[in-house]
């Protein structure tokens, strides 16, 4: 009867392990190429535990750190200069800030158009002789035929 090979015992992947792997990626020089296989071997060497590339890639902080390093490496290859490093946390914050600024610009444009419309309505009201009392009077209640009295 053949003996089955023992399975490697795997430890539970925790947030602190993810942060230590992110720190390893961030310490990697920007002028050196980094691969997922390299991250797997660095992790095994540093923590004594081995996870597959897929497991590491599923972890968002690790994936963001890898993507940031890859972008820095490509910038280095393109320009020959070492780019300024941005941590993955700051990158996420910058993306959120960009989204909020974009939304803010859209809302400012909507407000500007509403202001223009209000000025046009007021100018037309003055032109056609509508008094201030008429403009400030409450809107009459709309009665529908389905209401019971």
C-alpha atoms as a PDB file:
ATOM      1  CA  UNK A   1       0.000   0.000   0.000  1.00  0.00           C
ATOM      2  CA  UNK A   2       1.383   3.394  -1.034  1.00  0.00           C
ATOM      3  CA  UNK A   3       1.773   6.114   1.533  1.00  0.00           C
ATOM      4  CA  UNK A   4       0.239   9.408   0.621  1.00  0.00           C
ATOM      5  CA  UNK A   5       2.582  12.365   0.887  1.00  0.00           C
ATOM      6  CA  UNK A   6       1.936  14.648   3.814  1.00  0.00           C
ATOM      7  CA  UNK A   7       0.289  17.926   3.017  1.00  0.00           C
ATOM      8  CA  UNK A   8       2.054  21.057   4.049  1.00  0.00           C
ATOM      9  CA  UNK A   9       0.341  22.622   6.988  1.00  0.00           C
ATOM     10  CA  UNK A  10      -0.844  26.050   6.149  1.00  0.00           C
ATOM     11  CA  UNK A  11      -1.308  28.828   8.611  1.00  0.00           C
ATOM     12  CA  UNK A  12      -4.301  31.115   8.534  1.00  0.00           C
ATOM     13  CA  UNK A  13      -3.626  34.230   6.491  1.00  0.00           C
ATOM     14  CA  UNK A  14      -3.975  37.220   8.838  1.00  0.00           C
ATOM     15  CA  UNK A  15      -3.925  40.974   8.421  1.00  0.00           C
ATOM     16  CA  UNK A  16      -0.554  41.210  10.190  1.00  0.00           C
ATOM     17  CA  UNK A  17       0.956  38.712   7.745  1.00  0.00           C
ATOM     18  CA  UNK A  18      -0.444  40.752   4.853  1.00  0.00           C
ATOM     19  CA  UNK A  19       1.083  43.927   6.302  1.00  0.00           C
ATOM     20  CA  UNK A  20       4.487  42.277   6.716  1.00  0.00           C
ATOM     21  CA  UNK A  21       4.361  41.122   3.075  1.00  0.00           C
ATOM     22  CA  UNK A  22       3.387  44.659   1.992  1.00  0.00           C
ATOM     23  CA  UNK A  23       6.382  45.958   3.959  1.00  0.00           C
ATOM     24  CA  UNK A  24       8.648  43.463   2.151  1.00  0.00           C
ATOM     25  CA  UNK A  25       7.323  44.631  -1.209  1.00  0.00           C
ATOM     26  CA  UNK A  26       7.762  48.290  -0.250  1.00  0.00           C
ATOM     27  CA  UNK A  27      11.380  47.623   0.783  1.00  0.00           C
ATOM     28  CA  UNK A  28      12.179  46.077  -2.596  1.00  0.00           C
ATOM     29  CA  UNK A  29      14.287  48.525  -4.663  1.00  0.00           C
ATOM     30  CA  UNK A  30      12.296  50.339  -7.361  1.00  0.00           C
ATOM     31  CA  UNK A  31      15.024  49.648  -9.925  1.00  0.00           C
ATOM     32  CA  UNK A  32      14.710  45.863  -9.455  1.00  0.00           C
ATOM     33  CA  UNK A  33      11.986  43.816 -11.105  1.00  0.00           C
ATOM     34  CA  UNK A  34       9.624  42.019  -8.740  1.00  0.00           C
ATOM     35  CA  UNK A  35       7.509  39.013  -9.713  1.00  0.00           C
ATOM     36  CA  UNK A  36       4.803  37.086  -7.907  1.00  0.00           C
ATOM     37  CA  UNK A  37       7.167  34.121  -7.689  1.00  0.00           C
ATOM     38  CA  UNK A  38       9.658  36.428  -5.998  1.00  0.00           C
ATOM     39  CA  UNK A  39       7.022  37.519  -3.516  1.00  0.00           C
ATOM     40  CA  UNK A  40       6.139  33.879  -2.777  1.00  0.00           C
ATOM     41  CA  UNK A  41       9.795  33.035  -2.106  1.00  0.00           C
ATOM     42  CA  UNK A  42      10.356  36.230  -0.032  1.00  0.00           C
ATOM     43  CA  UNK A  43       7.293  35.365   2.036  1.00  0.00           C
ATOM     44  CA  UNK A  44       8.473  31.803   2.593  1.00  0.00           C
ATOM     45  CA  UNK A  45      11.926  33.021   3.621  1.00  0.00           C
ATOM     46  CA  UNK A  46      10.636  35.797   5.891  1.00  0.00           C
ATOM     47  CA  UNK A  47       7.663  34.087   7.569  1.00  0.00           C
ATOM     48  CA  UNK A  48       8.573  30.438   7.157  1.00  0.00           C
ATOM     49  CA  UNK A  49       5.137  29.890   5.627  1.00  0.00           C
ATOM     50  CA  UNK A  50       4.343  29.361   1.968  1.00  0.00           C
ATOM     51  CA  UNK A  51       1.287  30.598   0.125  1.00  0.00           C
ATOM     52  CA  UNK A  52       0.510  30.348  -3.552  1.00  0.00           C
ATOM     53  CA  UNK A  53       0.658  33.324  -5.886  1.00  0.00           C
ATOM     54  CA  UNK A  54      -3.126  33.208  -6.176  1.00  0.00           C
ATOM     55  CA  UNK A  55      -3.602  33.415  -2.404  1.00  0.00           C
ATOM     56  CA  UNK A  56      -1.255  36.379  -2.140  1.00  0.00           C
ATOM     57  CA  UNK A  57      -2.781  38.093  -5.165  1.00  0.00           C
ATOM     58  CA  UNK A  58      -6.289  37.860  -3.655  1.00  0.00           C
ATOM     59  CA  UNK A  59      -5.203  40.043  -0.744  1.00  0.00           C
ATOM     60  CA  UNK A  60      -5.954  43.640  -1.769  1.00  0.00           C
ATOM     61  CA  UNK A  61      -3.137  45.357   0.206  1.00  0.00           C
ATOM     62  CA  UNK A  62      -0.572  42.960  -1.288  1.00  0.00           C
ATOM     63  CA  UNK A  63      -1.958  43.368  -4.796  1.00  0.00           C
ATOM     64  CA  UNK A  64      -1.952  47.175  -4.459  1.00  0.00           C
ATOM     65  CA  UNK A  65       1.648  47.155  -3.195  1.00  0.00           C
ATOM     66  CA  UNK A  66       2.682  44.891  -6.087  1.00  0.00           C
ATOM     67  CA  UNK A  67       0.889  47.096  -8.630  1.00  0.00           C
ATOM     68  CA  UNK A  68       2.518  50.216  -7.164  1.00  0.00           C
ATOM     69  CA  UNK A  69       5.957  48.604  -7.307  1.00  0.00           C
ATOM     70  CA  UNK A  70       5.366  47.462 -10.885  1.00  0.00           C
ATOM     71  CA  UNK A  71       4.335  51.003 -11.883  1.00  0.00           C
ATOM     72  CA  UNK A  72       7.485  52.422 -10.255  1.00  0.00           C
ATOM     73  CA  UNK A  73       9.645  49.835 -11.996  1.00  0.00           C
ATOM     74  CA  UNK A  74       8.073  50.627 -15.387  1.00  0.00           C
ATOM     75  CA  UNK A  75       8.629  54.343 -14.768  1.00  0.00           C
ATOM     76  CA  UNK A  76      12.262  53.594 -13.935  1.00  0.00           C
ATOM     77  CA  UNK A  77      12.673  51.545 -17.141  1.00  0.00           C
ATOM     78  CA  UNK A  78      11.003  54.290 -19.215  1.00  0.00           C
ATOM     79  CA  UNK A  79      12.836  57.295 -17.776  1.00  0.00           C
ATOM     80  CA  UNK A  80      15.940  55.881 -16.087  1.00  0.00           C
ATOM     81  CA  UNK A  81      15.122  57.857 -12.937  1.00  0.00           C
ATOM     82  CA  UNK A  82      13.872  56.396  -9.703  1.00  0.00           C
ATOM     83  CA  UNK A  83      10.322  57.662  -9.167  1.00  0.00           C
ATOM     84  CA  UNK A  84       8.993  58.877  -5.853  1.00  0.00           C
ATOM     85  CA  UNK A  85       7.323  56.010  -3.981  1.00  0.00           C
ATOM     86  CA  UNK A  86       3.723  56.308  -2.890  1.00  0.00           C
ATOM     87  CA  UNK A  87       2.473  53.823  -0.351  1.00  0.00           C
ATOM     88  CA  UNK A  88      -0.576  51.748  -1.374  1.00  0.00           C
ATOM     89  CA  UNK A  89      -2.609  53.361   1.402  1.00  0.00           C
ATOM     90  CA  UNK A  90      -1.809  56.822   0.061  1.00  0.00           C
ATOM     91  CA  UNK A  91      -2.587  55.639  -3.464  1.00  0.00           C
ATOM     92  CA  UNK A  92      -6.067  54.515  -2.374  1.00  0.00           C
ATOM     93  CA  UNK A  93      -6.601  57.792  -0.531  1.00  0.00           C
ATOM     94  CA  UNK A  94      -5.476  59.749  -3.620  1.00  0.00           C
ATOM     95  CA  UNK A  95      -7.932  57.813  -5.819  1.00  0.00           C
ATOM     96  CA  UNK A  96     -10.772  58.557  -3.378  1.00  0.00           C
ATOM     97  CA  UNK A  97      -9.760  62.225  -3.291  1.00  0.00           C
ATOM     98  CA  UNK A  98      -9.772  62.366  -7.096  1.00  0.00           C
ATOM     99  CA  UNK A  99     -13.274  60.833  -7.162  1.00  0.00           C
ATOM    100  CA  UNK A 100     -14.559  63.306  -4.555  1.00  0.00           C
ATOM    101  CA  UNK A 101     -13.003  66.244  -6.419  1.00  0.00           C
ATOM    102  CA  UNK A 102     -14.614  65.081  -9.663  1.00  0.00           C
ATOM    103  CA  UNK A 103     -18.003  64.772  -7.967  1.00  0.00           C
ATOM    104  CA  UNK A 104     -17.481  68.194  -6.381  1.00  0.00           C
ATOM    105  CA  UNK A 105     -16.784  69.734  -9.806  1.00  0.00           C
ATOM    106  CA  UNK A 106     -19.958  68.160 -11.229  1.00  0.00           C
ATOM    107  CA  UNK A 107     -22.022  69.491  -8.325  1.00  0.00           C
ATOM    108  CA  UNK A 108     -20.530  72.982  -8.726  1.00  0.00           C
ATOM    109  CA  UNK A 109     -21.503  72.927 -12.412  1.00  0.00           C
ATOM    110  CA  UNK A 110     -25.063  71.857 -11.503  1.00  0.00           C
ATOM    111  CA  UNK A 111     -25.247  74.669  -8.957  1.00  0.00           C
ATOM    112  CA  UNK A 112     -23.947  77.183 -11.516  1.00  0.00           C
ATOM    113  CA  UNK A 113     -26.658  76.142 -14.020  1.00  0.00           C
ATOM    114  CA  UNK A 114     -29.319  76.399 -11.297  1.00  0.00           C
ATOM    115  CA  UNK A 115     -28.109  79.899 -10.412  1.00  0.00           C
ATOM    116  CA  UNK A 116     -28.311  80.937 -14.069  1.00  0.00           C
ATOM    117  CA  UNK A 117     -31.856  79.562 -14.306  1.00  0.00           C
ATOM    118  CA  UNK A 118     -32.903  81.425 -11.134  1.00  0.00           C
ATOM    119  CA  UNK A 119     -31.500  84.698 -12.462  1.00  0.00           C
ATOM    120  CA  UNK A 120     -33.311  84.146 -15.777  1.00  0.00           C
ATOM    121  CA  UNK A 121     -36.605  83.420 -13.945  1.00  0.00           C
ATOM    122  CA  UNK A 122     -36.231  86.539 -11.790  1.00  0.00           C
ATOM    123  CA  UNK A 123     -35.392  88.703 -14.802  1.00  0.00           C
ATOM    124  CA  UNK A 124     -38.446  87.387 -16.660  1.00  0.00           C
ATOM    125  CA  UNK A 125     -40.637  87.909 -13.591  1.00  0.00           C
ATOM    126  CA  UNK A 126     -39.536  91.533 -13.375  1.00  0.00           C
ATOM    127  CA  UNK A 127     -39.909  92.009 -17.121  1.00  0.00           C
ATOM    128  CA  UNK A 128     -43.500  90.700 -17.160  1.00  0.00           C
ATOM    129  CA  UNK A 129     -44.544  92.599 -14.065  1.00  0.00           C
ATOM    130  CA  UNK A 130     -44.857  89.848 -11.466  1.00  0.00           C
ATOM    131  CA  UNK A 131     -44.753  91.403  -8.013  1.00  0.00           C
ATOM    132  CA  UNK A 132     -42.620  90.280  -5.109  1.00  0.00           C
ATOM    133  CA  UNK A 133     -45.754  89.206  -3.234  1.00  0.00           C
ATOM    134  CA  UNK A 134     -46.762  86.962  -6.137  1.00  0.00           C
ATOM    135  CA  UNK A 135     -43.278  85.398  -6.238  1.00  0.00           C
ATOM    136  CA  UNK A 136     -43.263  84.767  -2.473  1.00  0.00           C
ATOM    137  CA  UNK A 137     -46.803  83.387  -2.247  1.00  0.00           C
ATOM    138  CA  UNK A 138     -47.027  79.699  -1.245  1.00  0.00           C
ATOM    139  CA  UNK A 139     -47.568  77.084  -3.905  1.00  0.00           C
ATOM    140  CA  UNK A 140     -51.239  76.030  -3.945  1.00  0.00           C
ATOM    141  CA  UNK A 141     -51.983  72.497  -2.831  1.00  0.00           C
ATOM    142  CA  UNK A 142     -52.689  70.193  -5.759  1.00  0.00           C
ATOM    143  CA  UNK A 143     -55.905  68.262  -5.327  1.00  0.00           C
ATOM    144  CA  UNK A 144     -56.268  64.976  -7.152  1.00  0.00           C
ATOM    145  CA  UNK A 145     -59.551  63.217  -7.867  1.00  0.00           C
ATOM    146  CA  UNK A 146     -58.601  60.155  -5.793  1.00  0.00           C
ATOM    147  CA  UNK A 147     -58.623  61.929  -2.417  1.00  0.00           C
ATOM    148  CA  UNK A 148     -61.589  61.292  -0.137  1.00  0.00           C
ATOM    149  CA  UNK A 149     -62.906  64.135   1.961  1.00  0.00           C
END
